[in-house]
Amino acid sequence: MYKILKAEKLAANIYLMDVEAPRVARHCEPGQFVIVKMDEKGERIPLTICDYDREAGTITIVFQPVGASTTKMTEMKAGDYFRDFTGPLGCPSEFIHEDLEELKKKKILFVGGGVGAAPVYPQVKWMKEHGIDVDVIIGSKTKDLLILEDQMEAAAGNYYPCTDDGSYGHAGMVTTKIEQLVEEGNKYDVCIAIGPMIMMKFVCLLTKKLEIPTVVSMNPIMVDGTGMCGACRLIVGGEVKFACVDGPEFDGHLVDFDNAMKRQQMYKTQEGRAMLKLQEGDTHHGGCGQCGGEN
């Protein structure tokens, strides 16, 4: 059992929890995720690690209710327990393995959209802890939906909030802010974009034109989180990858976003899952209990 130490509402429909999970906190790195279950019969819910405290043994998760299980999660409070809290899962961000002195020479841009600010934060925080200032763009529809602003401002070298309605910060999409920064003379060695797939797609279209290598964190539907079920199947550079074990981070200029978004919609229905199994053949995988697979 994993105790919830803090539960709060960050913004409309966005929630944060600190969970006591010492083993996960000891081993996790920026870029990884966990899978939680509320009770024995509960759905497995994948959530990116927003922050961690190794000494306190805690993991911070941020989520947005989109279905019955995550809606039920919003009712949980400090003192309640998760039945399962599995992790860390996925591969850590590649930059943590880079030579630190070489990394310090790079100009890095982080771009987050909506709840994507949560997985951006631990990476920006890691950079700050290692003496690296980075630029951070975070976008949302309105000012009220921006999250973790104080933390982001403290960790980023330069923090640029954007709102679609122009109520705060840069008026417009994150892509127009990227263009503005480049036009002002900023030369980025790498961009790391995390958010809705449609946002990451258009960021990648722009950065490819600007010749800025870009890493994205893919968040397709996941079921088991260990590579068995095939729910998070992606096409990257013409090859089949699985976000839970090969990612979640990939070269954004190689990701087939149109395929990923179409597949995500189809996977939500039984008929769609059957069609995906037929279309994808041996690369589909099975064993998730949703597609009738036996592998």
C-alpha atoms as a PDB file:
ATOM      1  CA  MET A   1       0.000   0.000   0.000  1.00  0.00           C
ATOM      2  CA  TYR A   2       1.239   3.461  -0.897  1.00  0.00           C
ATOM      3  CA  LYS A   3       0.100   6.378   1.232  1.00  0.00           C
ATOM      4  CA  ILE A   4      -0.976   9.691  -0.275  1.00  0.00           C
ATOM      5  CA  LEU A   5       0.737  12.422   1.748  1.00  0.00           C
ATOM      6  CA  LYS A   6      -0.710  15.401  -0.121  1.00  0.00           C
ATOM      7  CA  ALA A   7      -3.584  15.852  -2.567  1.00  0.00           C
ATOM      8  CA  GLU A   8      -4.470  19.199  -4.080  1.00  0.00           C
ATOM      9  CA  LYS A   9      -6.162  20.755  -7.076  1.00  0.00           C
ATOM     10  CA  LEU A  10      -3.660  22.747  -9.133  1.00  0.00           C
ATOM     11  CA  ALA A  11      -6.070  24.189 -11.670  1.00  0.00           C
ATOM     12  CA  ALA A  12      -9.420  23.430 -13.235  1.00  0.00           C
ATOM     13  CA  ASN A  13      -9.389  19.673 -13.812  1.00  0.00           C
ATOM     14  CA  ILE A  14      -5.678  19.228 -12.921  1.00  0.00           C
ATOM     15  CA  TYR A  15      -4.630  17.523  -9.691  1.00  0.00           C
ATOM     16  CA  LEU A  16      -1.363  16.870  -7.815  1.00  0.00           C
ATOM     17  CA  MET A  17      -0.480  14.167  -5.301  1.00  0.00           C
ATOM     18  CA  ASP A  18       2.614  13.370  -3.243  1.00  0.00           C
ATOM     19  CA  VAL A  19       2.819   9.619  -2.681  1.00  0.00           C
ATOM     20  CA  GLU A  20       5.028   7.685  -0.273  1.00  0.00           C
ATOM     21  CA  ALA A  21       6.957   5.285  -2.517  1.00  0.00           C
ATOM     22  CA  PRO A  22      10.582   5.021  -1.260  1.00  0.00           C
ATOM     23  CA  ARG A  23      11.803   2.375  -3.721  1.00  0.00           C
ATOM     24  CA  VAL A  24      10.517   4.292  -6.745  1.00  0.00           C
ATOM     25  CA  ALA A  25      11.976   7.547  -5.384  1.00  0.00           C
ATOM     26  CA  ARG A  26      15.405   5.925  -4.914  1.00  0.00           C
ATOM     27  CA  HIS A  27      15.664   4.715  -8.491  1.00  0.00           C
ATOM     28  CA  CYS A  28      13.655   7.043 -10.744  1.00  0.00           C
ATOM     29  CA  GLU A  29      15.146   9.586 -13.146  1.00  0.00           C
ATOM     30  CA  PRO A  30      13.644  12.451 -15.189  1.00  0.00           C
ATOM     31  CA  GLY A  31      11.565  11.167 -18.100  1.00  0.00           C
ATOM     32  CA  GLN A  32      10.232   8.021 -16.434  1.00  0.00           C
ATOM     33  CA  PHE A  33       6.691   7.148 -15.339  1.00  0.00           C
ATOM     34  CA  VAL A  34       4.696   5.001 -12.898  1.00  0.00           C
ATOM     35  CA  ILE A  35       1.515   2.960 -13.132  1.00  0.00           C
ATOM     36  CA  VAL A  36      -0.944   3.227 -10.247  1.00  0.00           C
ATOM     37  CA  LYS A  37      -3.968   1.192  -9.165  1.00  0.00           C
ATOM     38  CA  MET A  38      -6.448   2.448  -6.611  1.00  0.00           C
ATOM     39  CA  ASP A  39      -7.618  -0.982  -5.477  1.00  0.00           C
ATOM     40  CA  GLU A  40      -7.365  -4.666  -6.364  1.00  0.00           C
ATOM     41  CA  LYS A  41      -9.891  -4.396  -9.207  1.00  0.00           C
ATOM     42  CA  GLY A  42      -8.845  -0.926 -10.329  1.00  0.00           C
ATOM     43  CA  GLU A  43      -7.625   0.100 -13.755  1.00  0.00           C
ATOM     44  CA  ARG A  44      -3.872   0.497 -14.308  1.00  0.00           C
ATOM     45  CA  ILE A  45      -3.225   4.221 -14.825  1.00  0.00           C
ATOM     46  CA  PRO A  46       0.114   5.395 -16.309  1.00  0.00           C
ATOM     47  CA  LEU A  47       1.322   8.743 -14.960  1.00  0.00           C
ATOM     48  CA  THR A  48       4.533  10.650 -15.610  1.00  0.00           C
ATOM     49  CA  ILE A  49       6.708  11.369 -12.589  1.00  0.00           C
ATOM     50  CA  CYS A  50       6.458  15.124 -11.970  1.00  0.00           C
ATOM     51  CA  ASP A  51       8.964  15.277  -9.115  1.00  0.00           C
ATOM     52  CA  TYR A  52      10.697  13.053  -6.587  1.00  0.00           C
ATOM     53  CA  ASP A  53      12.434  13.389  -3.228  1.00  0.00           C
ATOM     54  CA  ARG A  54      14.892  10.588  -2.586  1.00  0.00           C
ATOM     55  CA  GLU A  55      15.428  11.516   1.084  1.00  0.00           C
ATOM     56  CA  ALA A  56      11.730  11.765   1.885  1.00  0.00           C
ATOM     57  CA  GLY A  57      10.930   8.739  -0.290  1.00  0.00           C
ATOM     58  CA  THR A  58       8.141  10.515  -2.150  1.00  0.00           C
ATOM     59  CA  ILE A  59       6.947  10.753  -5.744  1.00  0.00           C
ATOM     60  CA  THR A  60       4.852  13.625  -7.084  1.00  0.00           C
ATOM     61  CA  ILE A  61       2.269  12.849  -9.762  1.00  0.00           C
ATOM     62  CA  VAL A  62       0.039  15.240 -11.692  1.00  0.00           C
ATOM     63  CA  PHE A  63      -3.035  14.059 -13.574  1.00  0.00           C
ATOM     64  CA  GLN A  64      -6.111  15.213 -15.434  1.00  0.00           C
ATOM     65  CA  PRO A  65      -9.320  13.174 -15.141  1.00  0.00           C
ATOM     66  CA  VAL A  66     -10.301  11.791 -18.550  1.00  0.00           C
ATOM     67  CA  GLY A  67     -12.217   8.626 -17.636  1.00  0.00           C
ATOM     68  CA  ALA A  68     -13.940   6.847 -14.769  1.00  0.00           C
ATOM     69  CA  SER A  69     -10.743   5.779 -12.973  1.00  0.00           C
ATOM     70  CA  THR A  70      -8.970   9.134 -13.040  1.00  0.00           C
ATOM     71  CA  THR A  71     -12.225  10.864 -12.086  1.00  0.00           C
ATOM     72  CA  LYS A  72     -12.433   8.540  -9.079  1.00  0.00           C
ATOM     73  CA  MET A  73      -8.821   9.430  -8.260  1.00  0.00           C
ATOM     74  CA  THR A  74      -9.814  13.072  -7.796  1.00  0.00           C
ATOM     75  CA  GLU A  75     -11.818  11.997  -4.737  1.00  0.00           C
ATOM     76  CA  MET A  76      -8.760  10.536  -2.999  1.00  0.00           C
ATOM     77  CA  LYS A  77      -7.201  12.621  -0.236  1.00  0.00           C
ATOM     78  CA  ALA A  78      -4.194  12.730   2.056  1.00  0.00           C
ATOM     79  CA  GLY A  79      -4.198   9.597   4.189  1.00  0.00           C
ATOM     80  CA  ASP A  80      -5.718   7.389   1.499  1.00  0.00           C
ATOM     81  CA  TYR A  81      -3.681   4.632  -0.153  1.00  0.00           C
ATOM     82  CA  PHE A  82      -2.961   3.331  -3.641  1.00  0.00           C
ATOM     83  CA  ARG A  83      -3.088  -0.465  -3.912  1.00  0.00           C
ATOM     84  CA  ASP A  84      -0.211  -0.504  -6.417  1.00  0.00           C
ATOM     85  CA  PHE A  85       2.393   2.073  -7.389  1.00  0.00           C
ATOM     86  CA  THR A  86       4.672   0.455  -9.974  1.00  0.00           C
ATOM     87  CA  GLY A  87       7.834   2.061 -11.278  1.00  0.00           C
ATOM     88  CA  PRO A  88      10.023   3.569 -12.351  1.00  0.00           C
ATOM     89  CA  LEU A  89       9.035   2.505 -15.873  1.00  0.00           C
ATOM     90  CA  GLY A  90      10.321   3.586 -19.267  1.00  0.00           C
ATOM     91  CA  CYS A  91      13.752   4.916 -20.157  1.00  0.00           C
ATOM     92  CA  PRO A  92      15.208   7.995 -18.451  1.00  0.00           C
ATOM     93  CA  SER A  93      15.853  11.100 -20.517  1.00  0.00           C
ATOM     94  CA  GLU A  94      18.976  10.601 -22.617  1.00  0.00           C
ATOM     95  CA  PHE A  95      20.628  13.810 -21.415  1.00  0.00           C
ATOM     96  CA  ILE A  96      21.298  12.415 -17.946  1.00  0.00           C
ATOM     97  CA  HIS A  97      23.824  10.036 -19.539  1.00  0.00           C
ATOM     98  CA  GLU A  98      25.609  12.772 -21.504  1.00  0.00           C
ATOM     99  CA  ASP A  99      28.948  14.211 -20.492  1.00  0.00           C
ATOM    100  CA  LEU A 100      28.049  17.061 -18.166  1.00  0.00           C
ATOM    101  CA  GLU A 101      30.632  19.496 -19.520  1.00  0.00           C
ATOM    102  CA  GLU A 102      29.446  18.884 -23.083  1.00  0.00           C
ATOM    103  CA  LEU A 103      25.833  19.303 -21.994  1.00  0.00           C
ATOM    104  CA  LYS A 104      26.660  22.672 -20.431  1.00  0.00           C
ATOM    105  CA  LYS A 105      27.809  23.918 -23.834  1.00  0.00           C
ATOM    106  CA  LYS A 106      24.385  23.307 -25.394  1.00  0.00           C
ATOM    107  CA  LYS A 107      21.502  25.781 -25.541  1.00  0.00           C
ATOM    108  CA  ILE A 108      18.401  23.767 -24.680  1.00  0.00           C
ATOM    109  CA  LEU A 109      14.749  24.681 -25.148  1.00  0.00           C
ATOM    110  CA  PHE A 110      11.924  22.914 -23.302  1.00  0.00           C
ATOM    111  CA  VAL A 111       8.360  23.248 -24.594  1.00  0.00           C
ATOM    112  CA  GLY A 112       5.362  22.031 -22.586  1.00  0.00           C
ATOM    113  CA  GLY A 113       1.650  22.134 -23.239  1.00  0.00           C
ATOM    114  CA  GLY A 114      -1.098  21.810 -20.623  1.00  0.00           C
ATOM    115  CA  VAL A 115      -0.425  18.918 -18.237  1.00  0.00           C
ATOM    116  CA  GLY A 116       2.804  18.399 -20.208  1.00  0.00           C
ATOM    117  CA  ALA A 117       4.312  20.990 -17.854  1.00  0.00           C
ATOM    118  CA  ALA A 118       4.440  18.232 -15.217  1.00  0.00           C
ATOM    119  CA  PRO A 119       6.941  15.935 -16.998  1.00  0.00           C
ATOM    120  CA  VAL A 120       8.894  18.970 -18.234  1.00  0.00           C
ATOM    121  CA  TYR A 121       9.529  20.142 -14.679  1.00  0.00           C
ATOM    122  CA  PRO A 122      11.763  17.296 -13.361  1.00  0.00           C
ATOM    123  CA  GLN A 123      13.966  17.639 -16.436  1.00  0.00           C
ATOM    124  CA  VAL A 124      14.310  21.406 -16.023  1.00  0.00           C
ATOM    125  CA  LYS A 125      14.946  20.922 -12.287  1.00  0.00           C
ATOM    126  CA  TRP A 126      17.683  18.360 -13.052  1.00  0.00           C
ATOM    127  CA  MET A 127      19.318  20.857 -15.401  1.00  0.00           C
ATOM    128  CA  LYS A 128      19.249  23.564 -12.706  1.00  0.00           C
ATOM    129  CA  GLU A 129      20.763  21.196 -10.135  1.00  0.00           C
ATOM    130  CA  HIS A 130      23.629  20.514 -12.542  1.00  0.00           C
ATOM    131  CA  GLY A 131      24.342  24.155 -13.293  1.00  0.00           C
ATOM    132  CA  ILE A 132      22.598  24.365 -16.662  1.00  0.00           C
ATOM    133  CA  ASP A 133      20.245  27.227 -17.509  1.00  0.00           C
ATOM    134  CA  VAL A 134      17.581  26.364 -20.062  1.00  0.00           C
ATOM    135  CA  ASP A 135      14.758  28.226 -21.784  1.00  0.00           C
ATOM    136  CA  VAL A 136      11.247  26.977 -21.033  1.00  0.00           C
ATOM    137  CA  ILE A 137       8.021  27.678 -22.933  1.00  0.00           C
ATOM    138  CA  ILE A 138       4.782  26.478 -21.340  1.00  0.00           C
ATOM    139  CA  GLY A 139       1.460  26.910 -23.103  1.00  0.00           C
ATOM    140  CA  SER A 140      -2.153  26.620 -22.005  1.00  0.00           C
ATOM    141  CA  LYS A 141      -5.551  27.834 -23.154  1.00  0.00           C
ATOM    142  CA  THR A 142      -5.847  30.412 -20.357  1.00  0.00           C
ATOM    143  CA  LYS A 143      -3.765  31.704 -17.438  1.00  0.00           C
ATOM    144  CA  ASP A 144      -5.872  29.698 -14.962  1.00  0.00           C
ATOM    145  CA  LEU A 145      -4.735  26.453 -16.590  1.00  0.00           C
ATOM    146  CA  LEU A 146      -1.000  27.115 -16.242  1.00  0.00           C
ATOM    147  CA  ILE A 147       0.504  24.864 -13.557  1.00  0.00           C
ATOM    148  CA  LEU A 148       3.766  24.727 -11.571  1.00  0.00           C
ATOM    149  CA  GLU A 149       4.636  28.311 -12.468  1.00  0.00           C
ATOM    150  CA  ASP A 150       6.594  29.087  -9.297  1.00  0.00           C
ATOM    151  CA  GLN A 151       8.605  25.882  -9.581  1.00  0.00           C
ATOM    152  CA  MET A 152       9.285  26.414 -13.274  1.00  0.00           C
ATOM    153  CA  GLU A 153      10.393  30.018 -12.798  1.00  0.00           C
ATOM    154  CA  ALA A 154      12.790  28.937 -10.041  1.00  0.00           C
ATOM    155  CA  ALA A 155      14.347  26.173 -12.152  1.00  0.00           C
ATOM    156  CA  ALA A 156      14.426  27.734 -15.638  1.00  0.00           C
ATOM    157  CA  GLY A 157      16.982  30.190 -16.932  1.00  0.00           C
ATOM    158  CA  ASN A 158      14.202  31.901 -18.872  1.00  0.00           C
ATOM    159  CA  TYR A 159      10.524  31.041 -18.469  1.00  0.00           C
ATOM    160  CA  TYR A 160       7.993  32.014 -21.143  1.00  0.00           C
ATOM    161  CA  PRO A 161       4.297  31.340 -20.402  1.00  0.00           C
ATOM    162  CA  CYS A 162       1.913  31.367 -23.363  1.00  0.00           C
ATOM    163  CA  THR A 163      -1.875  31.527 -23.442  1.00  0.00           C
ATOM    164  CA  ASP A 164      -4.106  30.865 -26.430  1.00  0.00           C
ATOM    165  CA  ASP A 165      -6.495  33.624 -25.381  1.00  0.00           C
ATOM    166  CA  GLY A 166      -3.724  36.137 -24.685  1.00  0.00           C
ATOM    167  CA  SER A 167      -4.764  36.538 -21.039  1.00  0.00           C
ATOM    168  CA  TYR A 168      -1.178  36.112 -19.791  1.00  0.00           C
ATOM    169  CA  GLY A 169       2.355  35.981 -21.112  1.00  0.00           C
ATOM    170  CA  HIS A 170       2.835  35.475 -24.840  1.00  0.00           C
ATOM    171  CA  ALA A 171      -0.456  35.662 -26.733  1.00  0.00           C
ATOM    172  CA  GLY A 172      -0.616  32.641 -28.978  1.00  0.00           C
ATOM    173  CA  MET A 173       0.617  29.094 -29.469  1.00  0.00           C
ATOM    174  CA  VAL A 174       3.950  27.785 -28.223  1.00  0.00           C
ATOM    175  CA  THR A 175       5.087  27.519 -31.849  1.00  0.00           C
ATOM    176  CA  THR A 176       4.810  31.267 -32.394  1.00  0.00           C
ATOM    177  CA  LYS A 177       6.917  31.825 -29.266  1.00  0.00           C
ATOM    178  CA  ILE A 178       9.585  29.453 -30.590  1.00  0.00           C
ATOM    179  CA  GLU A 179       9.648  31.421 -33.847  1.00  0.00           C
ATOM    180  CA  GLN A 180       9.939  34.681 -31.932  1.00  0.00           C
ATOM    181  CA  LEU A 181      12.866  33.473 -29.820  1.00  0.00           C
ATOM    182  CA  VAL A 182      14.705  32.213 -32.903  1.00  0.00           C
ATOM    183  CA  GLU A 183      14.056  35.477 -34.752  1.00  0.00           C
ATOM    184  CA  GLU A 184      15.545  37.304 -31.758  1.00  0.00           C
ATOM    185  CA  GLY A 185      18.813  35.434 -32.313  1.00  0.00           C
ATOM    186  CA  ASN A 186      18.517  32.418 -30.055  1.00  0.00           C
ATOM    187  CA  LYS A 187      20.210  29.351 -31.547  1.00  0.00           C
ATOM    188  CA  TYR A 188      19.053  26.129 -29.913  1.00  0.00           C
ATOM    189  CA  ASP A 189      21.008  22.882 -30.052  1.00  0.00           C
ATOM    190  CA  VAL A 190      18.032  20.770 -28.993  1.00  0.00           C
ATOM    191  CA  CYS A 191      14.335  21.148 -28.184  1.00  0.00           C
ATOM    192  CA  ILE A 192      12.455  18.857 -25.793  1.00  0.00           C
ATOM    193  CA  ALA A 193       8.673  19.019 -26.307  1.00  0.00           C
ATOM    194  CA  ILE A 194       6.062  17.381 -24.071  1.00  0.00           C
ATOM    195  CA  GLY A 195       2.314  17.827 -24.296  1.00  0.00           C
ATOM    196  CA  PRO A 196      -0.705  16.834 -26.371  1.00  0.00           C
ATOM    197  CA  MET A 197       0.226  14.922 -29.519  1.00  0.00           C
ATOM    198  CA  ILE A 198      -1.141  17.623 -31.786  1.00  0.00           C
ATOM    199  CA  MET A 199       1.056  20.209 -30.058  1.00  0.00           C
ATOM    200  CA  MET A 200       4.158  18.022 -30.343  1.00  0.00           C
ATOM    201  CA  LYS A 201       3.401  17.385 -34.007  1.00  0.00           C
ATOM    202  CA  PHE A 202       3.331  21.085 -34.870  1.00  0.00           C
ATOM    203  CA  VAL A 203       6.366  21.849 -32.718  1.00  0.00           C
ATOM    204  CA  CYS A 204       8.251  19.165 -34.646  1.00  0.00           C
ATOM    205  CA  LEU A 205       7.096  20.481 -38.010  1.00  0.00           C
ATOM    206  CA  LEU A 206       8.480  23.888 -37.026  1.00  0.00           C
ATOM    207  CA  THR A 207      11.739  22.701 -35.470  1.00  0.00           C
ATOM    208  CA  LYS A 208      12.449  20.498 -38.470  1.00  0.00           C
ATOM    209  CA  LYS A 209      12.158  23.590 -40.668  1.00  0.00           C
ATOM    210  CA  LEU A 210      14.391  25.491 -38.223  1.00  0.00           C
ATOM    211  CA  GLU A 211      16.846  22.555 -38.126  1.00  0.00           C
ATOM    212  CA  ILE A 212      16.586  22.134 -34.346  1.00  0.00           C
ATOM    213  CA  PRO A 213      16.866  18.476 -33.233  1.00  0.00           C
ATOM    214  CA  THR A 214      13.778  17.679 -31.158  1.00  0.00           C
ATOM    215  CA  VAL A 215      12.931  15.063 -28.553  1.00  0.00           C
ATOM    216  CA  VAL A 216       9.294  14.302 -27.700  1.00  0.00           C
ATOM    217  CA  SER A 217       7.765  12.301 -24.864  1.00  0.00           C
ATOM    218  CA  MET A 218       5.010  10.136 -26.301  1.00  0.00           C
ATOM    219  CA  ASN A 219       1.889   9.520 -24.245  1.00  0.00           C
ATOM    220  CA  PRO A 220      -0.281   7.059 -26.176  1.00  0.00           C
ATOM    221  CA  ILE A 221      -2.718   4.700 -24.467  1.00  0.00           C
ATOM    222  CA  MET A 222      -0.845   2.273 -22.189  1.00  0.00           C
ATOM    223  CA  VAL A 223      -2.146  -0.842 -20.477  1.00  0.00           C
ATOM    224  CA  ASP A 224       0.570  -2.997 -18.919  1.00  0.00           C
ATOM    225  CA  GLY A 225       3.559  -0.626 -19.241  1.00  0.00           C
ATOM    226  CA  THR A 226       6.047  -3.483 -19.771  1.00  0.00           C
ATOM    227  CA  GLY A 227       5.955  -3.991 -23.554  1.00  0.00           C
ATOM    228  CA  MET A 228       3.645  -7.035 -23.513  1.00  0.00           C
ATOM    229  CA  CYS A 229       0.328  -5.657 -24.704  1.00  0.00           C
ATOM    230  CA  GLY A 230       1.247  -3.444 -27.644  1.00  0.00           C
ATOM    231  CA  ALA A 231      -1.234  -0.718 -26.739  1.00  0.00           C
ATOM    232  CA  CYS A 232       1.420   1.997 -27.000  1.00  0.00           C
ATOM    233  CA  ARG A 233       2.705   0.890 -30.419  1.00  0.00           C
ATOM    234  CA  LEU A 234       4.268   3.710 -32.460  1.00  0.00           C
ATOM    235  CA  ILE A 235       5.985   4.128 -35.795  1.00  0.00           C
ATOM    236  CA  VAL A 236       9.318   5.918 -35.409  1.00  0.00           C
ATOM    237  CA  GLY A 237      11.583   6.257 -38.421  1.00  0.00           C
ATOM    238  CA  GLY A 238       9.530   3.609 -40.207  1.00  0.00           C
ATOM    239  CA  GLU A 239      10.095   1.082 -37.391  1.00  0.00           C
ATOM    240  CA  VAL A 240       7.666  -0.249 -34.785  1.00  0.00           C
ATOM    241  CA  LYS A 241       8.432   0.988 -31.267  1.00  0.00           C
ATOM    242  CA  PHE A 242       6.596   0.744 -27.953  1.00  0.00           C
ATOM    243  CA  ALA A 243       6.494   3.889 -25.843  1.00  0.00           C
ATOM    244  CA  CYS A 244       6.547   2.075 -22.501  1.00  0.00           C
ATOM    245  CA  VAL A 245       9.848   0.239 -23.038  1.00  0.00           C
ATOM    246  CA  ASP A 246      11.544   1.941 -26.007  1.00  0.00           C
ATOM    247  CA  GLY A 247      10.554   5.416 -24.800  1.00  0.00           C
ATOM    248  CA  PRO A 248       8.672   7.382 -23.754  1.00  0.00           C
ATOM    249  CA  GLU A 249      11.125   9.779 -25.424  1.00  0.00           C
ATOM    250  CA  PHE A 250      11.872   9.613 -29.162  1.00  0.00           C
ATOM    251  CA  ASP A 251      13.329  11.693 -31.965  1.00  0.00           C
ATOM    252  CA  GLY A 252      10.326  13.885 -32.738  1.00  0.00           C
ATOM    253  CA  HIS A 253      11.301  14.330 -36.381  1.00  0.00           C
ATOM    254  CA  LEU A 254      10.986  10.563 -36.892  1.00  0.00           C
ATOM    255  CA  VAL A 255       7.656   9.988 -35.085  1.00  0.00           C
ATOM    256  CA  ASP A 256       4.601   9.326 -37.256  1.00  0.00           C
ATOM    257  CA  PHE A 257       2.196  11.531 -35.308  1.00  0.00           C
ATOM    258  CA  ASP A 258      -0.717  11.040 -37.692  1.00  0.00           C
ATOM    259  CA  ASN A 259      -0.519   7.276 -37.233  1.00  0.00           C
ATOM    260  CA  ALA A 260      -0.214   7.641 -33.447  1.00  0.00           C
ATOM    261  CA  MET A 261      -3.238   9.926 -33.159  1.00  0.00           C
ATOM    262  CA  LYS A 262      -5.372   7.777 -35.450  1.00  0.00           C
ATOM    263  CA  ARG A 263      -4.376   4.639 -33.560  1.00  0.00           C
ATOM    264  CA  GLN A 264      -5.183   6.242 -30.219  1.00  0.00           C
ATOM    265  CA  GLN A 265      -8.730   6.977 -31.355  1.00  0.00           C
ATOM    266  CA  MET A 266      -9.248   3.503 -32.800  1.00  0.00           C
ATOM    267  CA  TYR A 267      -7.927   1.756 -29.680  1.00  0.00           C
ATOM    268  CA  LYS A 268     -10.741   3.198 -27.567  1.00  0.00           C
ATOM    269  CA  THR A 269     -13.363   0.864 -29.070  1.00  0.00           C
ATOM    270  CA  GLN A 270     -13.536  -2.927 -29.254  1.00  0.00           C
ATOM    271  CA  GLU A 271     -14.127  -2.762 -33.001  1.00  0.00           C
ATOM    272  CA  GLY A 272     -11.151  -0.450 -33.399  1.00  0.00           C
ATOM    273  CA  ARG A 273      -8.868  -2.776 -31.424  1.00  0.00           C
ATOM    274  CA  ALA A 274      -9.942  -5.709 -33.595  1.00  0.00           C
ATOM    275  CA  MET A 275      -9.157  -3.717 -36.742  1.00  0.00           C
ATOM    276  CA  LEU A 276      -5.728  -2.702 -35.402  1.00  0.00           C
ATOM    277  CA  LYS A 277      -4.929  -6.336 -34.631  1.00  0.00           C
ATOM    278  CA  LEU A 278      -5.868  -7.290 -38.199  1.00  0.00           C
ATOM    279  CA  GLN A 279      -3.891  -4.432 -39.761  1.00  0.00           C
ATOM    280  CA  GLU A 280      -0.769  -4.769 -37.621  1.00  0.00           C
ATOM    281  CA  GLY A 281      -0.409  -8.536 -37.648  1.00  0.00           C
ATOM    282  CA  ASP A 282       2.646  -9.883 -35.820  1.00  0.00           C
ATOM    283  CA  THR A 283       3.757  -6.393 -34.783  1.00  0.00           C
ATOM    284  CA  HIS A 284       0.534  -5.748 -32.879  1.00  0.00           C
ATOM    285  CA  HIS A 285       1.424  -7.892 -29.843  1.00  0.00           C
ATOM    286  CA  GLY A 286      -1.197  -9.282 -27.484  1.00  0.00           C
ATOM    287  CA  GLY A 287      -1.812 -10.161 -23.891  1.00  0.00           C
ATOM    288  CA  CYS A 288      -3.396  -6.919 -22.705  1.00  0.00           C
ATOM    289  CA  GLY A 289      -6.776  -8.565 -22.271  1.00  0.00           C
ATOM    290  CA  GLN A 290      -8.313  -5.989 -24.593  1.00  0.00           C
ATOM    291  CA  CYS A 291      -7.439  -7.311 -28.050  1.00  0.00           C
ATOM    292  CA  GLY A 292      -7.817 -11.054 -27.560  1.00  0.00           C
ATOM    293  CA  GLY A 293      -4.099 -11.623 -28.050  1.00  0.00           C
ATOM    294  CA  GLU A 294      -2.320 -14.622 -26.545  1.00  0.00           C
ATOM    295  CA  ASN A 295       1.356 -13.667 -26.967  1.00  0.00           C
END
